[in-house]
């Protein structure tokens, strides 16, 4: 019984660590959900035009919040309307997955 208790404790600890690591978003799904991002930000997050930001290896939370701000009209600038239109059909999980994808690019 004691061995079972120890095994369950170890399994529980490992499960909580792994679920926390992927809690923010799924990078594999993000890659699939980001086809329109690729045109400006590149497949690996390196922008095709120097006036566009690189997304490669950026903080996932920062990327997510930036996309939310564009979606909600809280960001302004020359490309804000285009970004808002691009992001308008995506839900929060889509944004998390895309952010996880670009933040995982090294």
PDB file of N, CA and C in Angstrom:
ATOM      1  N   UNK A   1       0.819  -1.198   0.000  1.00  0.00           N
ATOM      2  CA  UNK A   1       0.000   0.000   0.000  1.00  0.00           C
ATOM      3  C   UNK A   1       0.865   1.265   0.000  1.00  0.00           C
ATOM      4  N   UNK A   2       1.956   1.215   0.759  1.00  0.00           N
ATOM      5  CA  UNK A   2       2.837   2.371   0.833  1.00  0.00           C
ATOM      6  C   UNK A   2       3.473   2.649  -0.535  1.00  0.00           C
ATOM      7  N   UNK A   3       3.849   1.582  -1.276  1.00  0.00           N
ATOM      8  CA  UNK A   3       4.436   1.753  -2.604  1.00  0.00           C
ATOM      9  C   UNK A   3       3.435   2.388  -3.558  1.00  0.00           C
ATOM     10  N   UNK A   4       2.180   1.982  -3.457  1.00  0.00           N
ATOM     11  CA  UNK A   4       1.138   2.547  -4.303  1.00  0.00           C
ATOM     12  C   UNK A   4       0.955   4.034  -3.998  1.00  0.00           C
ATOM     13  N   UNK A   5       0.990   4.376  -2.735  1.00  0.00           N
ATOM     14  CA  UNK A   5       0.852   5.785  -2.338  1.00  0.00           C
ATOM     15  C   UNK A   5       2.005   6.621  -2.881  1.00  0.00           C
ATOM     16  N   UNK A   6       3.209   6.096  -2.792  1.00  0.00           N
ATOM     17  CA  UNK A   6       4.382   6.809  -3.300  1.00  0.00           C
ATOM     18  C   UNK A   6       4.277   6.954  -4.818  1.00  0.00           C
ATOM     19  N   UNK A   7       3.879   5.887  -5.487  1.00  0.00           N
ATOM     20  CA  UNK A   7       3.747   5.926  -6.952  1.00  0.00           C
ATOM     21  C   UNK A   7       2.702   6.951  -7.371  1.00  0.00           C
ATOM     22  N   UNK A   8       1.585   6.998  -6.681  1.00  0.00           N
ATOM     23  CA  UNK A   8       0.543   7.973  -7.003  1.00  0.00           C
ATOM     24  C   UNK A   8       1.017   9.403  -6.755  1.00  0.00           C
ATOM     25  N   UNK A   9       1.775   9.595  -5.703  1.00  0.00           N
ATOM     26  CA  UNK A   9       2.311  10.921  -5.411  1.00  0.00           C
ATOM     27  C   UNK A   9       3.268  11.372  -6.512  1.00  0.00           C
ATOM     28  N   UNK A  10       4.151  10.474  -6.948  1.00  0.00           N
ATOM     29  CA  UNK A  10       5.095  10.801  -8.023  1.00  0.00           C
ATOM     30  C   UNK A  10       4.343  11.080  -9.312  1.00  0.00           C
ATOM     31  N   UNK A  11       3.377  10.217  -9.655  1.00  0.00           N
ATOM     32  CA  UNK A  11       2.591  10.412 -10.879  1.00  0.00           C
ATOM     33  C   UNK A  11       1.863  11.747 -10.835  1.00  0.00           C
ATOM     34  N   UNK A  12       1.275  12.066  -9.703  1.00  0.00           N
ATOM     35  CA  UNK A  12       0.544  13.325  -9.553  1.00  0.00           C
ATOM     36  C   UNK A  12       1.466  14.518  -9.755  1.00  0.00           C
ATOM     37  N   UNK A  13       2.667  14.457  -9.184  1.00  0.00           N
ATOM     38  CA  UNK A  13       3.616  15.555  -9.332  1.00  0.00           C
ATOM     39  C   UNK A  13       4.053  15.703 -10.783  1.00  0.00           C
ATOM     40  N   UNK A  14       4.361  14.589 -11.448  1.00  0.00           N
ATOM     41  CA  UNK A  14       4.763  14.647 -12.860  1.00  0.00           C
ATOM     42  C   UNK A  14       3.635  15.155 -13.735  1.00  0.00           C
ATOM     43  N   UNK A  15       2.424  14.715 -13.479  1.00  0.00           N
ATOM     44  CA  UNK A  15       1.282  15.152 -14.277  1.00  0.00           C
ATOM     45  C   UNK A  15       1.049  16.642 -14.121  1.00  0.00           C
ATOM     46  N   UNK A  16       1.157  17.150 -12.917  1.00  0.00           N
ATOM     47  CA  UNK A  16       0.927  18.584 -12.714  1.00  0.00           C
ATOM     48  C   UNK A  16       2.006  19.404 -13.404  1.00  0.00           C
ATOM     49  N   UNK A  17       3.240  18.928 -13.427  1.00  0.00           N
ATOM     50  CA  UNK A  17       4.304  19.644 -14.130  1.00  0.00           C
ATOM     51  C   UNK A  17       4.070  19.637 -15.630  1.00  0.00           C
ATOM     52  N   UNK A  18       3.703  18.495 -16.191  1.00  0.00           N
ATOM     53  CA  UNK A  18       3.514  18.426 -17.640  1.00  0.00           C
ATOM     54  C   UNK A  18       2.277  19.185 -18.075  1.00  0.00           C
ATOM     55  N   UNK A  19       1.219  19.160 -17.292  1.00  0.00           N
ATOM     56  CA  UNK A  19       0.023  19.901 -17.693  1.00  0.00           C
ATOM     57  C   UNK A  19       0.260  21.401 -17.581  1.00  0.00           C
ATOM     58  N   UNK A  20       1.070  21.802 -16.622  1.00  0.00           N
ATOM     59  CA  UNK A  20       1.400  23.226 -16.496  1.00  0.00           C
ATOM     60  C   UNK A  20       2.253  23.696 -17.674  1.00  0.00           C
ATOM     61  N   UNK A  21       3.140  22.851 -18.128  1.00  0.00           N
ATOM     62  CA  UNK A  21       4.030  23.226 -19.224  1.00  0.00           C
ATOM     63  C   UNK A  21       3.261  23.451 -20.521  1.00  0.00           C
ATOM     64  N   UNK A  22       2.154  22.745 -20.709  1.00  0.00           N
ATOM     65  CA  UNK A  22       1.383  22.883 -21.938  1.00  0.00           C
ATOM     66  C   UNK A  22       0.081  23.642 -21.715  1.00  0.00           C
ATOM     67  N   UNK A  23      -0.109  24.154 -20.513  1.00  0.00           N
ATOM     68  CA  UNK A  23      -1.357  24.836 -20.160  1.00  0.00           C
ATOM     69  C   UNK A  23      -1.600  26.070 -21.035  1.00  0.00           C
ATOM     70  N   UNK A  24      -0.533  26.788 -21.386  1.00  0.00           N
ATOM     71  CA  UNK A  24      -0.721  28.042 -22.111  1.00  0.00           C
ATOM     72  C   UNK A  24      -1.260  27.821 -23.507  1.00  0.00           C
ATOM     73  N   UNK A  25      -0.674  26.919 -24.249  1.00  0.00           N
ATOM     74  CA  UNK A  25      -1.104  26.673 -25.621  1.00  0.00           C
ATOM     75  C   UNK A  25      -0.355  25.510 -26.220  1.00  0.00           C
ATOM     76  N   UNK A  26      -0.862  25.020 -27.333  1.00  0.00           N
ATOM     77  CA  UNK A  26      -0.278  23.891 -28.020  1.00  0.00           C
ATOM     78  C   UNK A  26       0.432  24.400 -29.272  1.00  0.00           C
ATOM     79  N   UNK A  27       1.751  24.313 -29.271  1.00  0.00           N
ATOM     80  CA  UNK A  27       2.543  24.847 -30.379  1.00  0.00           C
ATOM     81  C   UNK A  27       2.247  24.133 -31.694  1.00  0.00           C
ATOM     82  N   UNK A  28       1.997  22.825 -31.633  1.00  0.00           N
ATOM     83  CA  UNK A  28       1.691  22.081 -32.855  1.00  0.00           C
ATOM     84  C   UNK A  28       0.388  22.559 -33.481  1.00  0.00           C
ATOM     85  N   UNK A  29      -0.611  22.781 -32.647  1.00  0.00           N
ATOM     86  CA  UNK A  29      -1.873  23.321 -33.159  1.00  0.00           C
ATOM     87  C   UNK A  29      -1.691  24.763 -33.625  1.00  0.00           C
ATOM     88  N   UNK A  30      -0.858  25.509 -32.936  1.00  0.00           N
ATOM     89  CA  UNK A  30      -0.595  26.892 -33.317  1.00  0.00           C
ATOM     90  C   UNK A  30      -0.026  27.009 -34.716  1.00  0.00           C
ATOM     91  N   UNK A  31       0.842  26.078 -35.061  1.00  0.00           N
ATOM     92  CA  UNK A  31       1.416  26.079 -36.413  1.00  0.00           C
ATOM     93  C   UNK A  31       0.326  25.915 -37.464  1.00  0.00           C
ATOM     94  N   UNK A  32      -0.643  25.057 -37.177  1.00  0.00           N
ATOM     95  CA  UNK A  32      -1.756  24.813 -38.095  1.00  0.00           C
ATOM     96  C   UNK A  32      -2.701  26.008 -38.152  1.00  0.00           C
ATOM     97  N   UNK A  33      -2.839  26.724 -37.051  1.00  0.00           N
ATOM     98  CA  UNK A  33      -3.788  27.839 -36.952  1.00  0.00           C
ATOM     99  C   UNK A  33      -3.217  29.170 -37.442  1.00  0.00           C
ATOM    100  N   UNK A  34      -1.945  29.193 -37.824  1.00  0.00           N
ATOM    101  CA  UNK A  34      -1.286  30.460 -38.143  1.00  0.00           C
ATOM    102  C   UNK A  34      -0.979  30.671 -39.621  1.00  0.00           C
ATOM    103  N   UNK A  35      -1.773  30.132 -40.548  1.00  0.00           N
ATOM    104  CA  UNK A  35      -1.381  30.307 -41.959  1.00  0.00           C
ATOM    105  C   UNK A  35      -1.364  31.761 -42.417  1.00  0.00           C
ATOM    106  N   UNK A  36      -2.265  32.584 -41.942  1.00  0.00           N
ATOM    107  CA  UNK A  36      -2.259  33.980 -42.392  1.00  0.00           C
ATOM    108  C   UNK A  36      -1.130  34.773 -41.735  1.00  0.00           C
ATOM    109  N   UNK A  37      -0.642  34.331 -40.586  1.00  0.00           N
ATOM    110  CA  UNK A  37       0.472  35.012 -39.907  1.00  0.00           C
ATOM    111  C   UNK A  37       1.764  34.889 -40.720  1.00  0.00           C
ATOM    112  N   UNK A  38       1.892  33.756 -41.399  1.00  0.00           N
ATOM    113  CA  UNK A  38       3.111  33.426 -42.137  1.00  0.00           C
ATOM    114  C   UNK A  38       3.423  34.449 -43.222  1.00  0.00           C
ATOM    115  N   UNK A  39       2.406  35.026 -43.818  1.00  0.00           N
ATOM    116  CA  UNK A  39       2.640  35.957 -44.918  1.00  0.00           C
ATOM    117  C   UNK A  39       3.485  37.164 -44.500  1.00  0.00           C
ATOM    118  N   UNK A  40       3.305  37.621 -43.281  1.00  0.00           N
ATOM    119  CA  UNK A  40       4.063  38.783 -42.809  1.00  0.00           C
ATOM    120  C   UNK A  40       5.165  38.410 -41.816  1.00  0.00           C
ATOM    121  N   UNK A  41       4.878  37.444 -40.946  1.00  0.00           N
ATOM    122  CA  UNK A  41       5.799  37.123 -39.860  1.00  0.00           C
ATOM    123  C   UNK A  41       6.666  35.908 -40.150  1.00  0.00           C
ATOM    124  N   UNK A  42       6.480  35.269 -41.296  1.00  0.00           N
ATOM    125  CA  UNK A  42       7.282  34.121 -41.678  1.00  0.00           C
ATOM    126  C   UNK A  42       6.871  32.849 -40.961  1.00  0.00           C
ATOM    127  N   UNK A  43       7.221  31.717 -41.548  1.00  0.00           N
ATOM    128  CA  UNK A  43       6.848  30.413 -40.993  1.00  0.00           C
ATOM    129  C   UNK A  43       7.496  30.158 -39.641  1.00  0.00           C
ATOM    130  N   UNK A  44       8.681  30.704 -39.426  1.00  0.00           N
ATOM    131  CA  UNK A  44       9.368  30.483 -38.151  1.00  0.00           C
ATOM    132  C   UNK A  44       9.375  31.731 -37.277  1.00  0.00           C
ATOM    133  N   UNK A  45       8.626  32.745 -37.665  1.00  0.00           N
ATOM    134  CA  UNK A  45       8.532  33.956 -36.859  1.00  0.00           C
ATOM    135  C   UNK A  45       9.532  35.023 -37.230  1.00  0.00           C
ATOM    136  N   UNK A  46      10.277  34.800 -38.302  1.00  0.00           N
ATOM    137  CA  UNK A  46      11.192  35.829 -38.796  1.00  0.00           C
ATOM    138  C   UNK A  46      10.464  36.590 -39.896  1.00  0.00           C
ATOM    139  N   UNK A  47      10.195  37.858 -39.636  1.00  0.00           N
ATOM    140  CA  UNK A  47       9.386  38.682 -40.531  1.00  0.00           C
ATOM    141  C   UNK A  47      10.006  38.778 -41.921  1.00  0.00           C
ATOM    142  N   UNK A  48       9.137  38.802 -42.928  1.00  0.00           N
ATOM    143  CA  UNK A  48       9.586  38.892 -44.321  1.00  0.00           C
ATOM    144  C   UNK A  48       9.879  40.346 -44.720  1.00  0.00           C
ATOM    145  N   UNK A  49       9.415  41.280 -43.921  1.00  0.00           N
ATOM    146  CA  UNK A  49       9.614  42.698 -44.183  1.00  0.00           C
ATOM    147  C   UNK A  49      10.189  43.306 -42.897  1.00  0.00           C
ATOM    148  N   UNK A  50      11.248  44.091 -42.994  1.00  0.00           N
ATOM    149  CA  UNK A  50      11.842  44.636 -41.769  1.00  0.00           C
ATOM    150  C   UNK A  50      10.927  45.546 -40.950  1.00  0.00           C
ATOM    151  N   UNK A  51       9.830  46.006 -41.525  1.00  0.00           N
ATOM    152  CA  UNK A  51       8.915  46.857 -40.750  1.00  0.00           C
ATOM    153  C   UNK A  51       7.911  46.031 -39.941  1.00  0.00           C
ATOM    154  N   UNK A  52       7.893  44.709 -40.139  1.00  0.00           N
ATOM    155  CA  UNK A  52       7.025  43.826 -39.358  1.00  0.00           C
ATOM    156  C   UNK A  52       7.833  43.223 -38.214  1.00  0.00           C
ATOM    157  N   UNK A  53       7.212  43.015 -37.066  1.00  0.00           N
ATOM    158  CA  UNK A  53       7.965  42.454 -35.936  1.00  0.00           C
ATOM    159  C   UNK A  53       8.254  40.958 -36.110  1.00  0.00           C
ATOM    160  N   UNK A  54       9.407  40.557 -35.612  1.00  0.00           N
ATOM    161  CA  UNK A  54       9.730  39.137 -35.519  1.00  0.00           C
ATOM    162  C   UNK A  54       8.995  38.561 -34.320  1.00  0.00           C
ATOM    163  N   UNK A  55       8.403  37.396 -34.494  1.00  0.00           N
ATOM    164  CA  UNK A  55       7.677  36.744 -33.407  1.00  0.00           C
ATOM    165  C   UNK A  55       8.472  35.592 -32.807  1.00  0.00           C
ATOM    166  N   UNK A  56       9.488  35.191 -33.503  1.00  0.00           N
ATOM    167  CA  UNK A  56      10.335  34.066 -33.118  1.00  0.00           C
ATOM    168  C   UNK A  56      10.864  34.225 -31.691  1.00  0.00           C
ATOM    169  N   UNK A  57      10.607  33.203 -30.874  1.00  0.00           N
ATOM    170  CA  UNK A  57      11.151  33.112 -29.519  1.00  0.00           C
ATOM    171  C   UNK A  57      10.718  34.245 -28.585  1.00  0.00           C
ATOM    172  N   UNK A  58       9.621  34.933 -28.928  1.00  0.00           N
ATOM    173  CA  UNK A  58       9.067  35.960 -28.039  1.00  0.00           C
ATOM    174  C   UNK A  58       8.313  35.267 -26.899  1.00  0.00           C
ATOM    175  N   UNK A  59       8.103  35.965 -25.834  1.00  0.00           N
ATOM    176  CA  UNK A  59       7.339  35.448 -24.697  1.00  0.00           C
ATOM    177  C   UNK A  59       5.906  35.157 -25.128  1.00  0.00           C
ATOM    178  N   UNK A  60       5.426  33.954 -24.840  1.00  0.00           N
ATOM    179  CA  UNK A  60       4.086  33.538 -25.268  1.00  0.00           C
ATOM    180  C   UNK A  60       2.997  34.443 -24.699  1.00  0.00           C
ATOM    181  N   UNK A  61       3.101  34.809 -23.436  1.00  0.00           N
ATOM    182  CA  UNK A  61       2.094  35.675 -22.826  1.00  0.00           C
ATOM    183  C   UNK A  61       2.066  37.035 -23.514  1.00  0.00           C
ATOM    184  N   UNK A  62       3.235  37.563 -23.845  1.00  0.00           N
ATOM    185  CA  UNK A  62       3.318  38.840 -24.558  1.00  0.00           C
ATOM    186  C   UNK A  62       2.644  38.737 -25.926  1.00  0.00           C
ATOM    187  N   UNK A  63       2.944  37.671 -26.669  1.00  0.00           N
ATOM    188  CA  UNK A  63       2.336  37.489 -27.988  1.00  0.00           C
ATOM    189  C   UNK A  63       0.820  37.381 -27.876  1.00  0.00           C
ATOM    190  N   UNK A  64       0.374  36.591 -26.913  1.00  0.00           N
ATOM    191  CA  UNK A  64      -1.072  36.418 -26.701  1.00  0.00           C
ATOM    192  C   UNK A  64      -1.733  37.773 -26.398  1.00  0.00           C
ATOM    193  N   UNK A  65      -1.163  38.521 -25.466  1.00  0.00           N
ATOM    194  CA  UNK A  65      -1.754  39.802 -25.076  1.00  0.00           C
ATOM    195  C   UNK A  65      -1.736  40.791 -26.234  1.00  0.00           C
ATOM    196  N   UNK A  66      -0.684  40.771 -27.025  1.00  0.00           N
ATOM    197  CA  UNK A  66      -0.618  41.652 -28.195  1.00  0.00           C
ATOM    198  C   UNK A  66      -1.743  41.329 -29.168  1.00  0.00           C
ATOM    199  N   UNK A  67      -1.954  40.033 -29.419  1.00  0.00           N
ATOM    200  CA  UNK A  67      -3.034  39.641 -30.327  1.00  0.00           C
ATOM    201  C   UNK A  67      -4.396  40.015 -29.759  1.00  0.00           C
ATOM    202  N   UNK A  68      -4.584  39.839 -28.447  1.00  0.00           N
ATOM    203  CA  UNK A  68      -5.854  40.241 -27.810  1.00  0.00           C
ATOM    204  C   UNK A  68      -6.068  41.740 -27.960  1.00  0.00           C
ATOM    205  N   UNK A  69      -5.010  42.514 -27.753  1.00  0.00           N
ATOM    206  CA  UNK A  69      -5.116  43.971 -27.875  1.00  0.00           C
ATOM    207  C   UNK A  69      -5.485  44.382 -29.300  1.00  0.00           C
ATOM    208  N   UNK A  70      -4.904  43.740 -30.296  1.00  0.00           N
ATOM    209  CA  UNK A  70      -5.293  44.019 -31.681  1.00  0.00           C
ATOM    210  C   UNK A  70      -6.748  43.632 -31.910  1.00  0.00           C
ATOM    211  N   UNK A  71      -7.120  42.462 -31.433  1.00  0.00           N
ATOM    212  CA  UNK A  71      -8.489  41.968 -31.603  1.00  0.00           C
ATOM    213  C   UNK A  71      -9.513  42.939 -31.026  1.00  0.00           C
ATOM    214  N   UNK A  72      -9.222  43.476 -29.877  1.00  0.00           N
ATOM    215  CA  UNK A  72     -10.151  44.348 -29.167  1.00  0.00           C
ATOM    216  C   UNK A  72     -10.031  45.818 -29.564  1.00  0.00           C
ATOM    217  N   UNK A  73      -9.142  46.120 -30.500  1.00  0.00           N
ATOM    218  CA  UNK A  73      -8.975  47.498 -30.952  1.00  0.00           C
ATOM    219  C   UNK A  73      -8.175  48.372 -30.011  1.00  0.00           C
ATOM    220  N   UNK A  74      -7.440  47.773 -29.090  1.00  0.00           N
ATOM    221  CA  UNK A  74      -6.650  48.536 -28.121  1.00  0.00           C
ATOM    222  C   UNK A  74      -5.270  48.905 -28.630  1.00  0.00           C
ATOM    223  N   UNK A  75      -4.875  48.373 -29.752  1.00  0.00           N
ATOM    224  CA  UNK A  75      -3.594  48.724 -30.367  1.00  0.00           C
ATOM    225  C   UNK A  75      -3.869  49.545 -31.603  1.00  0.00           C
ATOM    226  N   UNK A  76      -3.044  50.547 -31.797  1.00  0.00           N
ATOM    227  CA  UNK A  76      -3.212  51.415 -32.951  1.00  0.00           C
ATOM    228  C   UNK A  76      -1.933  51.388 -33.779  1.00  0.00           C
ATOM    229  N   UNK A  77      -2.025  51.951 -34.929  1.00  0.00           N
ATOM    230  CA  UNK A  77      -0.861  52.012 -35.798  1.00  0.00           C
ATOM    231  C   UNK A  77      -1.277  51.706 -37.220  1.00  0.00           C
ATOM    232  N   UNK A  78      -0.300  51.762 -38.098  1.00  0.00           N
ATOM    233  CA  UNK A  78      -0.564  51.611 -39.531  1.00  0.00           C
ATOM    234  C   UNK A  78      -1.229  50.286 -39.890  1.00  0.00           C
ATOM    235  N   UNK A  79      -0.897  49.225 -39.189  1.00  0.00           N
ATOM    236  CA  UNK A  79      -1.418  47.906 -39.545  1.00  0.00           C
ATOM    237  C   UNK A  79      -2.434  47.357 -38.543  1.00  0.00           C
ATOM    238  N   UNK A  80      -2.873  48.198 -37.617  1.00  0.00           N
ATOM    239  CA  UNK A  80      -3.779  47.735 -36.564  1.00  0.00           C
ATOM    240  C   UNK A  80      -5.098  47.199 -37.112  1.00  0.00           C
ATOM    241  N   UNK A  81      -5.670  47.868 -38.095  1.00  0.00           N
ATOM    242  CA  UNK A  81      -6.946  47.405 -38.653  1.00  0.00           C
ATOM    243  C   UNK A  81      -6.783  46.070 -39.372  1.00  0.00           C
ATOM    244  N   UNK A  82      -5.685  45.921 -40.099  1.00  0.00           N
ATOM    245  CA  UNK A  82      -5.426  44.660 -40.781  1.00  0.00           C
ATOM    246  C   UNK A  82      -5.236  43.532 -39.767  1.00  0.00           C
ATOM    247  N   UNK A  83      -4.497  43.808 -38.693  1.00  0.00           N
ATOM    248  CA  UNK A  83      -4.292  42.796 -37.655  1.00  0.00           C
ATOM    249  C   UNK A  83      -5.611  42.437 -36.979  1.00  0.00           C
ATOM    250  N   UNK A  84      -6.430  43.421 -36.711  1.00  0.00           N
ATOM    251  CA  UNK A  84      -7.725  43.160 -36.090  1.00  0.00           C
ATOM    252  C   UNK A  84      -8.575  42.266 -36.987  1.00  0.00           C
ATOM    253  N   UNK A  85      -8.570  42.528 -38.275  1.00  0.00           N
ATOM    254  CA  UNK A  85      -9.332  41.702 -39.219  1.00  0.00           C
ATOM    255  C   UNK A  85      -8.788  40.280 -39.260  1.00  0.00           C
ATOM    256  N   UNK A  86      -7.470  40.131 -39.265  1.00  0.00           N
ATOM    257  CA  UNK A  86      -6.856  38.809 -39.315  1.00  0.00           C
ATOM    258  C   UNK A  86      -7.182  37.988 -38.069  1.00  0.00           C
ATOM    259  N   UNK A  87      -7.267  38.654 -36.934  1.00  0.00           N
ATOM    260  CA  UNK A  87      -7.467  37.959 -35.657  1.00  0.00           C
ATOM    261  C   UNK A  87      -8.932  37.841 -35.255  1.00  0.00           C
ATOM    262  N   UNK A  88      -9.816  38.469 -35.993  1.00  0.00           N
ATOM    263  CA  UNK A  88     -11.219  38.561 -35.577  1.00  0.00           C
ATOM    264  C   UNK A  88     -11.927  37.214 -35.467  1.00  0.00           C
ATOM    265  N   UNK A  89     -11.526  36.236 -36.227  1.00  0.00           N
ATOM    266  CA  UNK A  89     -12.204  34.931 -36.211  1.00  0.00           C
ATOM    267  C   UNK A  89     -11.585  33.929 -35.239  1.00  0.00           C
ATOM    268  N   UNK A  90     -10.530  34.337 -34.562  1.00  0.00           N
ATOM    269  CA  UNK A  90      -9.823  33.420 -33.661  1.00  0.00           C
ATOM    270  C   UNK A  90     -10.305  33.585 -32.225  1.00  0.00           C
ATOM    271  N   UNK A  91     -10.425  32.463 -31.527  1.00  0.00           N
ATOM    272  CA  UNK A  91     -10.813  32.516 -30.115  1.00  0.00           C
ATOM    273  C   UNK A  91      -9.568  32.537 -29.228  1.00  0.00           C
ATOM    274  N   UNK A  92      -9.765  32.615 -27.927  1.00  0.00           N
ATOM    275  CA  UNK A  92      -8.648  32.721 -26.995  1.00  0.00           C
ATOM    276  C   UNK A  92      -7.697  31.532 -27.089  1.00  0.00           C
ATOM    277  N   UNK A  93      -8.245  30.327 -27.243  1.00  0.00           N
ATOM    278  CA  UNK A  93      -7.372  29.149 -27.337  1.00  0.00           C
ATOM    279  C   UNK A  93      -6.551  29.186 -28.622  1.00  0.00           C
ATOM    280  N   UNK A  94      -7.153  29.633 -29.716  1.00  0.00           N
ATOM    281  CA  UNK A  94      -6.397  29.787 -30.962  1.00  0.00           C
ATOM    282  C   UNK A  94      -5.210  30.729 -30.747  1.00  0.00           C
ATOM    283  N   UNK A  95      -5.466  31.839 -30.083  1.00  0.00           N
ATOM    284  CA  UNK A  95      -4.408  32.821 -29.828  1.00  0.00           C
ATOM    285  C   UNK A  95      -3.322  32.239 -28.940  1.00  0.00           C
ATOM    286  N   UNK A  96      -3.716  31.474 -27.930  1.00  0.00           N
ATOM    287  CA  UNK A  96      -2.728  30.834 -27.052  1.00  0.00           C
ATOM    288  C   UNK A  96      -1.870  29.845 -27.836  1.00  0.00           C
ATOM    289  N   UNK A  97      -2.514  29.071 -28.708  1.00  0.00           N
ATOM    290  CA  UNK A  97      -1.781  28.088 -29.501  1.00  0.00           C
ATOM    291  C   UNK A  97      -0.807  28.759 -30.456  1.00  0.00           C
ATOM    292  N   UNK A  98      -1.237  29.814 -31.108  1.00  0.00           N
ATOM    293  CA  UNK A  98      -0.357  30.555 -32.027  1.00  0.00           C
ATOM    294  C   UNK A  98       0.803  31.176 -31.253  1.00  0.00           C
ATOM    295  N   UNK A  99       0.507  31.749 -30.110  1.00  0.00           N
ATOM    296  CA  UNK A  99       1.563  32.331 -29.276  1.00  0.00           C
ATOM    297  C   UNK A  99       2.554  31.251 -28.839  1.00  0.00           C
ATOM    298  N   UNK A 100       2.046  30.093 -28.463  1.00  0.00           N
ATOM    299  CA  UNK A 100       2.929  28.985 -28.069  1.00  0.00           C
ATOM    300  C   UNK A 100       3.805  28.552 -29.234  1.00  0.00           C
ATOM    301  N   UNK A 101       3.244  28.514 -30.430  1.00  0.00           N
ATOM    302  CA  UNK A 101       4.017  28.121 -31.610  1.00  0.00           C
ATOM    303  C   UNK A 101       5.169  29.092 -31.859  1.00  0.00           C
ATOM    304  N   UNK A 102       4.862  30.379 -31.949  1.00  0.00           N
ATOM    305  CA  UNK A 102       5.923  31.332 -32.260  1.00  0.00           C
ATOM    306  C   UNK A 102       6.931  31.472 -31.118  1.00  0.00           C
ATOM    307  N   UNK A 103       6.481  31.357 -29.897  1.00  0.00           N
ATOM    308  CA  UNK A 103       7.423  31.464 -28.774  1.00  0.00           C
ATOM    309  C   UNK A 103       8.355  30.260 -28.716  1.00  0.00           C
ATOM    310  N   UNK A 104       7.950  29.142 -29.303  1.00  0.00           N
ATOM    311  CA  UNK A 104       8.787  27.934 -29.286  1.00  0.00           C
ATOM    312  C   UNK A 104       9.828  27.902 -30.394  1.00  0.00           C
ATOM    313  N   UNK A 105       9.758  28.847 -31.320  1.00  0.00           N
ATOM    314  CA  UNK A 105      10.716  28.878 -32.427  1.00  0.00           C
ATOM    315  C   UNK A 105      12.047  29.435 -31.950  1.00  0.00           C
ATOM    316  N   UNK A 106      13.104  28.706 -32.227  1.00  0.00           N
ATOM    317  CA  UNK A 106      14.442  29.145 -31.767  1.00  0.00           C
ATOM    318  C   UNK A 106      15.310  29.549 -32.922  1.00  0.00           C
TER     319      UNK A 106
END
